[in-house]
Amino acid sequence: MFPNAGLAAYMAAEKQRKRRRSSAWTPTLLFSGQVGDWWSAEDLSSLFTDKAGTTNVAANNDVVGRWRGQVNSNILWQDTDTTSMKPLYKSALQTVQTDGVDDFLISSAALTITASPMSIMAVFDKSVLTTVNGAVSYSNNTAEYRAVGLHSTGASAAMTDRAATSTVSTPSLTRPSGTGLAAVFGIFNTAAAGGNRFFFVSGTEGTIASPPAHTLTGSVHVGRLRTGLNYSAVGLQHVVIVDKAFSSEDITNLNTFFGLS
């Protein structure tokens, strides 16, 4: 029996899985002593319905209260263990989906990414739309954050690098349309390293030539920009955050591994 979304979605997802099984490269190779992690909703053993991690997600529309990283075992959880604020697992494309109202996951412990560069990648369901921004962010939970986001109007307006005293965002980028999966990248550099870069797979690139200077030691947020701010409806299959700037080769390898190119 095929998953709820039907044969077309299932076959598209299966094509991606076969493609990556044939690849010797995996995202774990990005982490050679690097801070960060790769979270994969394709691995049901990493998803739990409860904050404590006692019961695995098993079926479509199960709540997700805990998501374990593939590389460094960093935990994303619903920190109050409130069922109504937990994202749902969607089996058709194997995603963790937030509602844009109050669903979120946050890292259980701070990740110490104390300087640029750093990179964020999110593989998302193109059919899940949101009217606010901040799909995945790294934030000190107050005035500083770095985020990649999505928007239902067809633009990505939340590619943001905010220091305590200033906010800088990229030009609007056209969001991929249709169904299936796509990826969004945010590469956060120092000004000397060429500025920030933001783009969707096979899309127009936006840049921040002179990003704000700041030091962050913060939390990873899924489904919101930071604590209590800008919740997003988004379906995420993979999230990668690492304290390095993705190279062109890294981007090609990620796209190929996730079946996006």
C-alpha atoms as a PDB file:
ATOM      1  CA  MET A   1       0.000   0.000   0.000  1.00  0.00           C
ATOM      2  CA  PHE A   2       1.296   3.416  -0.919  1.00  0.00           C
ATOM      3  CA  PRO A   3       1.408   6.326   1.544  1.00  0.00           C
ATOM      4  CA  ASN A   4      -1.526   8.705   1.848  1.00  0.00           C
ATOM      5  CA  ALA A   5      -0.361  11.273  -0.686  1.00  0.00           C
ATOM      6  CA  GLY A   6      -0.580   8.673  -3.456  1.00  0.00           C
ATOM      7  CA  LEU A   7       1.581   6.911  -5.979  1.00  0.00           C
ATOM      8  CA  ALA A   8       3.223   9.958  -7.595  1.00  0.00           C
ATOM      9  CA  ALA A   9       4.626  11.330  -4.334  1.00  0.00           C
ATOM     10  CA  TYR A  10       5.745   7.888  -3.224  1.00  0.00           C
ATOM     11  CA  MET A  11       7.571   7.162  -6.473  1.00  0.00           C
ATOM     12  CA  ALA A  12       9.308  10.542  -6.403  1.00  0.00           C
ATOM     13  CA  ALA A  13      10.531   9.904  -2.869  1.00  0.00           C
ATOM     14  CA  GLU A  14      11.653   6.384  -3.736  1.00  0.00           C
ATOM     15  CA  LYS A  15      13.635   7.715  -6.716  1.00  0.00           C
ATOM     16  CA  GLN A  16      15.519  10.033  -4.366  1.00  0.00           C
ATOM     17  CA  ARG A  17      16.239   7.226  -1.899  1.00  0.00           C
ATOM     18  CA  LYS A  18      17.639   4.968  -4.638  1.00  0.00           C
ATOM     19  CA  ARG A  19      19.795   7.787  -5.958  1.00  0.00           C
ATOM     20  CA  ARG A  20      21.454   8.459  -2.617  1.00  0.00           C
ATOM     21  CA  ARG A  21      21.986   4.766  -1.825  1.00  0.00           C
ATOM     22  CA  SER A  22      24.202   4.631  -4.924  1.00  0.00           C
ATOM     23  CA  SER A  23      26.370   7.504  -3.678  1.00  0.00           C
ATOM     24  CA  ALA A  24      29.538   6.967  -1.625  1.00  0.00           C
ATOM     25  CA  TRP A  25      29.317  10.526  -0.312  1.00  0.00           C
ATOM     26  CA  THR A  26      27.077  11.324   2.667  1.00  0.00           C
ATOM     27  CA  PRO A  27      26.537  14.545   4.673  1.00  0.00           C
ATOM     28  CA  THR A  28      28.500  13.000   7.556  1.00  0.00           C
ATOM     29  CA  LEU A  29      31.646  13.883   5.573  1.00  0.00           C
ATOM     30  CA  LEU A  30      30.931  17.588   6.195  1.00  0.00           C
ATOM     31  CA  PHE A  31      31.611  17.044   9.892  1.00  0.00           C
ATOM     32  CA  SER A  32      35.290  16.512  10.532  1.00  0.00           C
ATOM     33  CA  GLY A  33      35.525  18.064  13.969  1.00  0.00           C
ATOM     34  CA  GLN A  34      32.820  20.554  12.981  1.00  0.00           C
ATOM     35  CA  VAL A  35      30.093  21.855  15.290  1.00  0.00           C
ATOM     36  CA  GLY A  36      26.544  21.228  14.109  1.00  0.00           C
ATOM     37  CA  ASP A  37      24.537  18.269  12.859  1.00  0.00           C
ATOM     38  CA  TRP A  38      22.396  16.706  10.161  1.00  0.00           C
ATOM     39  CA  TRP A  39      18.813  15.810  11.054  1.00  0.00           C
ATOM     40  CA  SER A  40      16.998  13.387   8.725  1.00  0.00           C
ATOM     41  CA  ALA A  41      13.268  12.656   8.889  1.00  0.00           C
ATOM     42  CA  GLU A  42      13.860   9.674   6.609  1.00  0.00           C
ATOM     43  CA  ASP A  43      15.354   7.885   9.605  1.00  0.00           C
ATOM     44  CA  LEU A  44      12.385   6.954  11.793  1.00  0.00           C
ATOM     45  CA  SER A  45      14.745   5.675  14.486  1.00  0.00           C
ATOM     46  CA  SER A  46      15.755   9.319  15.053  1.00  0.00           C
ATOM     47  CA  LEU A  47      12.181  10.575  15.550  1.00  0.00           C
ATOM     48  CA  PHE A  48      10.233  10.244  18.804  1.00  0.00           C
ATOM     49  CA  THR A  49       6.773  11.285  19.867  1.00  0.00           C
ATOM     50  CA  ASP A  50       7.933  12.428  23.313  1.00  0.00           C
ATOM     51  CA  LYS A  51      10.613  14.776  24.589  1.00  0.00           C
ATOM     52  CA  ALA A  52      12.335  11.984  26.543  1.00  0.00           C
ATOM     53  CA  GLY A  53      12.741   9.812  23.458  1.00  0.00           C
ATOM     54  CA  THR A  54      10.958   6.689  24.727  1.00  0.00           C
ATOM     55  CA  THR A  55       8.511   6.119  21.852  1.00  0.00           C
ATOM     56  CA  ASN A  56       9.498   6.190  18.189  1.00  0.00           C
ATOM     57  CA  VAL A  57       7.395   7.879  15.534  1.00  0.00           C
ATOM     58  CA  ALA A  58       5.779   5.100  13.526  1.00  0.00           C
ATOM     59  CA  ALA A  59       2.926   6.412  11.385  1.00  0.00           C
ATOM     60  CA  ASN A  60       1.621   9.333   9.376  1.00  0.00           C
ATOM     61  CA  ASN A  61       0.493  12.245  11.583  1.00  0.00           C
ATOM     62  CA  ASP A  62       2.333  11.024  14.673  1.00  0.00           C
ATOM     63  CA  VAL A  63       3.554  13.991  16.696  1.00  0.00           C
ATOM     64  CA  VAL A  64       7.297  14.672  16.777  1.00  0.00           C
ATOM     65  CA  GLY A  65       8.625  15.649  20.194  1.00  0.00           C
ATOM     66  CA  ARG A  66      12.277  14.734  19.702  1.00  0.00           C
ATOM     67  CA  TRP A  67      14.563  14.569  16.627  1.00  0.00           C
ATOM     68  CA  ARG A  68      18.087  13.165  17.016  1.00  0.00           C
ATOM     69  CA  GLY A  69      20.960  14.268  14.787  1.00  0.00           C
ATOM     70  CA  GLN A  70      22.691  11.750  12.528  1.00  0.00           C
ATOM     71  CA  VAL A  71      26.281  12.846  13.178  1.00  0.00           C
ATOM     72  CA  ASN A  72      26.747  14.370  16.627  1.00  0.00           C
ATOM     73  CA  SER A  73      23.454  13.173  18.176  1.00  0.00           C
ATOM     74  CA  ASN A  74      22.334  16.744  18.873  1.00  0.00           C
ATOM     75  CA  ILE A  75      18.696  16.778  19.958  1.00  0.00           C
ATOM     76  CA  LEU A  76      15.891  18.977  18.670  1.00  0.00           C
ATOM     77  CA  TRP A  77      12.859  18.746  20.948  1.00  0.00           C
ATOM     78  CA  GLN A  78       9.590  20.360  21.930  1.00  0.00           C
ATOM     79  CA  ASP A  79      11.009  21.620  25.184  1.00  0.00           C
ATOM     80  CA  THR A  80       7.732  21.781  27.121  1.00  0.00           C
ATOM     81  CA  ASP A  81       6.554  18.389  25.762  1.00  0.00           C
ATOM     82  CA  THR A  82       3.220  20.000  24.839  1.00  0.00           C
ATOM     83  CA  THR A  83       1.410  17.784  22.322  1.00  0.00           C
ATOM     84  CA  SER A  84      -0.416  20.637  20.585  1.00  0.00           C
ATOM     85  CA  MET A  85       2.904  22.402  19.932  1.00  0.00           C
ATOM     86  CA  LYS A  86       4.633  19.404  18.358  1.00  0.00           C
ATOM     87  CA  PRO A  87       5.098  19.104  14.584  1.00  0.00           C
ATOM     88  CA  LEU A  88       3.580  16.139  12.755  1.00  0.00           C
ATOM     89  CA  TYR A  89       5.377  13.411  10.824  1.00  0.00           C
ATOM     90  CA  LYS A  90       4.153  13.194   7.235  1.00  0.00           C
ATOM     91  CA  SER A  91       4.876   9.830   5.636  1.00  0.00           C
ATOM     92  CA  ALA A  92       4.335  10.707   1.956  1.00  0.00           C
ATOM     93  CA  LEU A  93       7.613  12.640   1.636  1.00  0.00           C
ATOM     94  CA  GLN A  94       8.935  11.718   5.076  1.00  0.00           C
ATOM     95  CA  THR A  95       8.900  15.204   6.545  1.00  0.00           C
ATOM     96  CA  VAL A  96       8.481  16.894   9.913  1.00  0.00           C
ATOM     97  CA  GLN A  97       5.721  19.470   9.397  1.00  0.00           C
ATOM     98  CA  THR A  98       4.976  22.494  11.584  1.00  0.00           C
ATOM     99  CA  ASP A  99       1.648  24.344  11.546  1.00  0.00           C
ATOM    100  CA  GLY A 100       2.779  27.985  11.469  1.00  0.00           C
ATOM    101  CA  VAL A 101       0.851  28.731  14.667  1.00  0.00           C
ATOM    102  CA  ASP A 102       2.838  27.438  17.614  1.00  0.00           C
ATOM    103  CA  ASP A 103       4.631  24.220  16.556  1.00  0.00           C
ATOM    104  CA  PHE A 104       8.393  24.223  16.962  1.00  0.00           C
ATOM    105  CA  LEU A 105      11.472  22.224  17.918  1.00  0.00           C
ATOM    106  CA  ILE A 106      14.532  23.717  19.609  1.00  0.00           C
ATOM    107  CA  SER A 107      17.950  22.243  20.324  1.00  0.00           C
ATOM    108  CA  SER A 108      18.159  20.744  23.802  1.00  0.00           C
ATOM    109  CA  ALA A 109      21.568  22.346  24.392  1.00  0.00           C
ATOM    110  CA  ALA A 110      23.331  25.346  22.921  1.00  0.00           C
ATOM    111  CA  LEU A 111      25.603  24.843  19.930  1.00  0.00           C
ATOM    112  CA  THR A 112      28.749  26.898  20.196  1.00  0.00           C
ATOM    113  CA  ILE A 113      29.213  28.414  16.761  1.00  0.00           C
ATOM    114  CA  THR A 114      31.136  31.428  17.938  1.00  0.00           C
ATOM    115  CA  ALA A 115      32.127  33.024  14.651  1.00  0.00           C
ATOM    116  CA  SER A 116      31.573  33.000  10.908  1.00  0.00           C
ATOM    117  CA  PRO A 117      31.425  31.100   8.719  1.00  0.00           C
ATOM    118  CA  MET A 118      28.462  28.792   9.144  1.00  0.00           C
ATOM    119  CA  SER A 119      25.946  27.212   6.775  1.00  0.00           C
ATOM    120  CA  ILE A 120      22.321  26.114   6.945  1.00  0.00           C
ATOM    121  CA  MET A 121      20.578  23.828   4.464  1.00  0.00           C
ATOM    122  CA  ALA A 122      16.940  22.749   4.619  1.00  0.00           C
ATOM    123  CA  VAL A 123      15.247  20.213   2.330  1.00  0.00           C
ATOM    124  CA  PHE A 124      11.550  21.058   2.326  1.00  0.00           C
ATOM    125  CA  ASP A 125       8.191  20.043   0.872  1.00  0.00           C
ATOM    126  CA  LYS A 126       7.341  22.569  -1.850  1.00  0.00           C
ATOM    127  CA  SER A 127       3.596  22.121  -1.344  1.00  0.00           C
ATOM    128  CA  VAL A 128       3.586  23.288   2.295  1.00  0.00           C
ATOM    129  CA  LEU A 129       3.201  27.059   2.307  1.00  0.00           C
ATOM    130  CA  THR A 130       3.608  29.611   5.057  1.00  0.00           C
ATOM    131  CA  THR A 131       2.680  33.231   5.523  1.00  0.00           C
ATOM    132  CA  VAL A 132       5.504  33.980   7.944  1.00  0.00           C
ATOM    133  CA  ASN A 133       9.215  33.283   7.928  1.00  0.00           C
ATOM    134  CA  GLY A 134      11.974  31.543   9.820  1.00  0.00           C
ATOM    135  CA  ALA A 135      11.790  27.891   8.775  1.00  0.00           C
ATOM    136  CA  VAL A 136      15.187  27.066  10.293  1.00  0.00           C
ATOM    137  CA  SER A 137      17.305  29.421  12.357  1.00  0.00           C
ATOM    138  CA  TYR A 138      20.294  29.608  14.655  1.00  0.00           C
ATOM    139  CA  SER A 139      19.652  32.142  17.385  1.00  0.00           C
ATOM    140  CA  ASN A 140      20.798  33.313  20.800  1.00  0.00           C
ATOM    141  CA  ASN A 141      17.040  33.634  21.515  1.00  0.00           C
ATOM    142  CA  THR A 142      17.168  37.419  21.859  1.00  0.00           C
ATOM    143  CA  ALA A 143      18.330  39.912  19.252  1.00  0.00           C
ATOM    144  CA  GLU A 144      20.781  37.879  17.177  1.00  0.00           C
ATOM    145  CA  TYR A 145      19.904  35.203  14.656  1.00  0.00           C
ATOM    146  CA  ARG A 146      20.718  33.716  11.294  1.00  0.00           C
ATOM    147  CA  ALA A 147      17.838  32.181   9.412  1.00  0.00           C
ATOM    148  CA  VAL A 148      16.600  30.667   6.183  1.00  0.00           C
ATOM    149  CA  GLY A 149      12.880  30.875   5.557  1.00  0.00           C
ATOM    150  CA  LEU A 150      10.052  30.387   3.102  1.00  0.00           C
ATOM    151  CA  HIS A 151       7.047  32.433   2.083  1.00  0.00           C
ATOM    152  CA  SER A 152       3.722  31.583   0.453  1.00  0.00           C
ATOM    153  CA  THR A 153       3.864  34.510  -1.973  1.00  0.00           C
ATOM    154  CA  GLY A 154       6.572  32.795  -4.003  1.00  0.00           C
ATOM    155  CA  ALA A 155       9.457  34.690  -2.453  1.00  0.00           C
ATOM    156  CA  SER A 156      11.855  33.879   0.323  1.00  0.00           C
ATOM    157  CA  ALA A 157      11.919  36.959   2.498  1.00  0.00           C
ATOM    158  CA  ALA A 158      13.538  35.598   5.642  1.00  0.00           C
ATOM    159  CA  MET A 159      17.123  35.120   4.593  1.00  0.00           C
ATOM    160  CA  THR A 160      18.358  37.073   7.551  1.00  0.00           C
ATOM    161  CA  ASP A 161      21.556  37.747   9.440  1.00  0.00           C
ATOM    162  CA  ARG A 162      20.704  39.901  12.416  1.00  0.00           C
ATOM    163  CA  ALA A 163      23.156  41.242  14.967  1.00  0.00           C
ATOM    164  CA  ALA A 164      22.060  42.928  18.182  1.00  0.00           C
ATOM    165  CA  THR A 165      21.862  46.362  16.599  1.00  0.00           C
ATOM    166  CA  SER A 166      21.051  45.749  12.949  1.00  0.00           C
ATOM    167  CA  THR A 167      19.072  43.545  10.585  1.00  0.00           C
ATOM    168  CA  VAL A 168      20.126  42.790   7.031  1.00  0.00           C
ATOM    169  CA  SER A 169      18.059  40.677   4.618  1.00  0.00           C
ATOM    170  CA  THR A 170      18.662  39.546   1.061  1.00  0.00           C
ATOM    171  CA  PRO A 171      16.652  40.538  -1.981  1.00  0.00           C
ATOM    172  CA  SER A 172      13.547  38.405  -2.466  1.00  0.00           C
ATOM    173  CA  LEU A 173      14.229  35.051  -4.090  1.00  0.00           C
ATOM    174  CA  THR A 174      11.726  33.081  -6.148  1.00  0.00           C
ATOM    175  CA  ARG A 175      10.617  30.004  -4.290  1.00  0.00           C
ATOM    176  CA  PRO A 176      10.374  26.735  -6.285  1.00  0.00           C
ATOM    177  CA  SER A 177       6.782  25.885  -7.145  1.00  0.00           C
ATOM    178  CA  GLY A 178       4.931  22.615  -7.636  1.00  0.00           C
ATOM    179  CA  THR A 179       5.161  19.449  -5.571  1.00  0.00           C
ATOM    180  CA  GLY A 180       8.004  17.320  -4.259  1.00  0.00           C
ATOM    181  CA  LEU A 181      11.143  18.461  -2.476  1.00  0.00           C
ATOM    182  CA  ALA A 182      13.517  21.384  -2.895  1.00  0.00           C
ATOM    183  CA  ALA A 183      16.374  22.848  -0.867  1.00  0.00           C
ATOM    184  CA  VAL A 184      17.281  26.263   0.436  1.00  0.00           C
ATOM    185  CA  PHE A 185      20.834  27.246   1.393  1.00  0.00           C
ATOM    186  CA  GLY A 186      22.181  30.001   3.622  1.00  0.00           C
ATOM    187  CA  ILE A 187      25.953  30.513   3.812  1.00  0.00           C
ATOM    188  CA  PHE A 188      26.953  33.040   6.453  1.00  0.00           C
ATOM    189  CA  ASN A 189      30.432  34.495   6.013  1.00  0.00           C
ATOM    190  CA  THR A 190      32.368  37.419   7.371  1.00  0.00           C
ATOM    191  CA  ALA A 191      32.527  40.477   5.147  1.00  0.00           C
ATOM    192  CA  ALA A 192      36.149  39.643   4.380  1.00  0.00           C
ATOM    193  CA  ALA A 193      35.100  36.199   3.172  1.00  0.00           C
ATOM    194  CA  GLY A 194      32.764  37.651   0.583  1.00  0.00           C
ATOM    195  CA  GLY A 195      29.516  38.168   2.439  1.00  0.00           C
ATOM    196  CA  ASN A 196      26.457  35.973   2.829  1.00  0.00           C
ATOM    197  CA  ARG A 197      24.883  33.894   0.075  1.00  0.00           C
ATOM    198  CA  PHE A 198      21.311  32.581  -0.098  1.00  0.00           C
ATOM    199  CA  PHE A 199      19.682  30.498  -2.792  1.00  0.00           C
ATOM    200  CA  PHE A 200      17.292  27.715  -3.692  1.00  0.00           C
ATOM    201  CA  VAL A 201      18.437  24.790  -5.797  1.00  0.00           C
ATOM    202  CA  SER A 202      18.466  25.935  -9.455  1.00  0.00           C
ATOM    203  CA  GLY A 203      17.351  29.385  -8.380  1.00  0.00           C
ATOM    204  CA  THR A 204      18.548  32.970  -8.342  1.00  0.00           C
ATOM    205  CA  GLU A 205      21.124  33.812  -5.702  1.00  0.00           C
ATOM    206  CA  GLY A 206      20.851  36.658  -3.222  1.00  0.00           C
ATOM    207  CA  THR A 207      23.727  38.123  -1.255  1.00  0.00           C
ATOM    208  CA  ILE A 208      24.569  40.366   1.692  1.00  0.00           C
ATOM    209  CA  ALA A 209      27.835  42.042   0.781  1.00  0.00           C
ATOM    210  CA  SER A 210      28.578  43.365   4.264  1.00  0.00           C
ATOM    211  CA  PRO A 211      26.865  41.209   6.886  1.00  0.00           C
ATOM    212  CA  PRO A 212      26.791  42.397  10.497  1.00  0.00           C
ATOM    213  CA  ALA A 213      29.626  41.330  12.760  1.00  0.00           C
ATOM    214  CA  HIS A 214      28.598  39.366  15.826  1.00  0.00           C
ATOM    215  CA  THR A 215      29.327  36.265  17.846  1.00  0.00           C
ATOM    216  CA  LEU A 216      26.604  33.709  18.371  1.00  0.00           C
ATOM    217  CA  THR A 217      26.303  30.882  20.851  1.00  0.00           C
ATOM    218  CA  GLY A 218      22.762  29.758  20.498  1.00  0.00           C
ATOM    219  CA  SER A 219      20.037  27.273  19.706  1.00  0.00           C
ATOM    220  CA  VAL A 220      18.717  25.713  16.534  1.00  0.00           C
ATOM    221  CA  HIS A 221      15.028  26.451  15.919  1.00  0.00           C
ATOM    222  CA  VAL A 222      12.763  24.534  13.537  1.00  0.00           C
ATOM    223  CA  GLY A 223       9.447  26.150  12.657  1.00  0.00           C
ATOM    224  CA  ARG A 224      10.204  29.623  14.007  1.00  0.00           C
ATOM    225  CA  LEU A 225      12.753  32.416  13.843  1.00  0.00           C
ATOM    226  CA  ARG A 226      13.536  32.509  17.550  1.00  0.00           C
ATOM    227  CA  THR A 227      11.744  32.118  20.868  1.00  0.00           C
ATOM    228  CA  GLY A 228       8.149  33.261  20.444  1.00  0.00           C
ATOM    229  CA  LEU A 229       8.734  34.968  17.080  1.00  0.00           C
ATOM    230  CA  ASN A 230       7.640  34.259  13.485  1.00  0.00           C
ATOM    231  CA  TYR A 231       6.278  30.732  13.415  1.00  0.00           C
ATOM    232  CA  SER A 232       6.336  28.956  10.044  1.00  0.00           C
ATOM    233  CA  ALA A 233       4.343  26.208   8.393  1.00  0.00           C
ATOM    234  CA  VAL A 234       7.034  24.087   6.785  1.00  0.00           C
ATOM    235  CA  GLY A 235       7.628  20.412   5.986  1.00  0.00           C
ATOM    236  CA  LEU A 236      11.279  19.491   6.508  1.00  0.00           C
ATOM    237  CA  GLN A 237      12.913  16.272   5.396  1.00  0.00           C
ATOM    238  CA  HIS A 238      16.503  17.255   6.198  1.00  0.00           C
ATOM    239  CA  VAL A 239      18.242  20.027   8.121  1.00  0.00           C
ATOM    240  CA  VAL A 240      22.006  20.563   8.017  1.00  0.00           C
ATOM    241  CA  ILE A 241      23.780  23.167  10.167  1.00  0.00           C
ATOM    242  CA  VAL A 242      27.572  23.284  10.323  1.00  0.00           C
ATOM    243  CA  ASP A 243      30.247  25.810  11.323  1.00  0.00           C
ATOM    244  CA  LYS A 244      31.830  26.071   7.885  1.00  0.00           C
ATOM    245  CA  ALA A 245      30.948  27.684   4.579  1.00  0.00           C
ATOM    246  CA  PHE A 246      29.628  25.147   2.087  1.00  0.00           C
ATOM    247  CA  SER A 247      31.951  24.915  -0.900  1.00  0.00           C
ATOM    248  CA  SER A 248      30.666  24.482  -4.459  1.00  0.00           C
ATOM    249  CA  GLU A 249      31.606  20.818  -4.178  1.00  0.00           C
ATOM    250  CA  ASP A 250      29.678  20.487  -0.887  1.00  0.00           C
ATOM    251  CA  ILE A 251      26.582  22.003  -2.504  1.00  0.00           C
ATOM    252  CA  THR A 252      26.810  19.663  -5.490  1.00  0.00           C
ATOM    253  CA  ASN A 253      27.267  16.656  -3.209  1.00  0.00           C
ATOM    254  CA  LEU A 254      24.324  17.653  -1.004  1.00  0.00           C
ATOM    255  CA  ASN A 255      22.040  18.173  -3.985  1.00  0.00           C
ATOM    256  CA  THR A 256      23.033  14.834  -5.485  1.00  0.00           C
ATOM    257  CA  PHE A 257      22.739  12.928  -2.204  1.00  0.00           C
ATOM    258  CA  PHE A 258      19.276  14.299  -1.538  1.00  0.00           C
ATOM    259  CA  GLY A 259      18.186  13.680  -5.137  1.00  0.00           C
ATOM    260  CA  LEU A 260      17.708  17.358  -5.964  1.00  0.00           C
ATOM    261  CA  SER A 261      19.934  17.686  -9.016  1.00  0.00           C
END
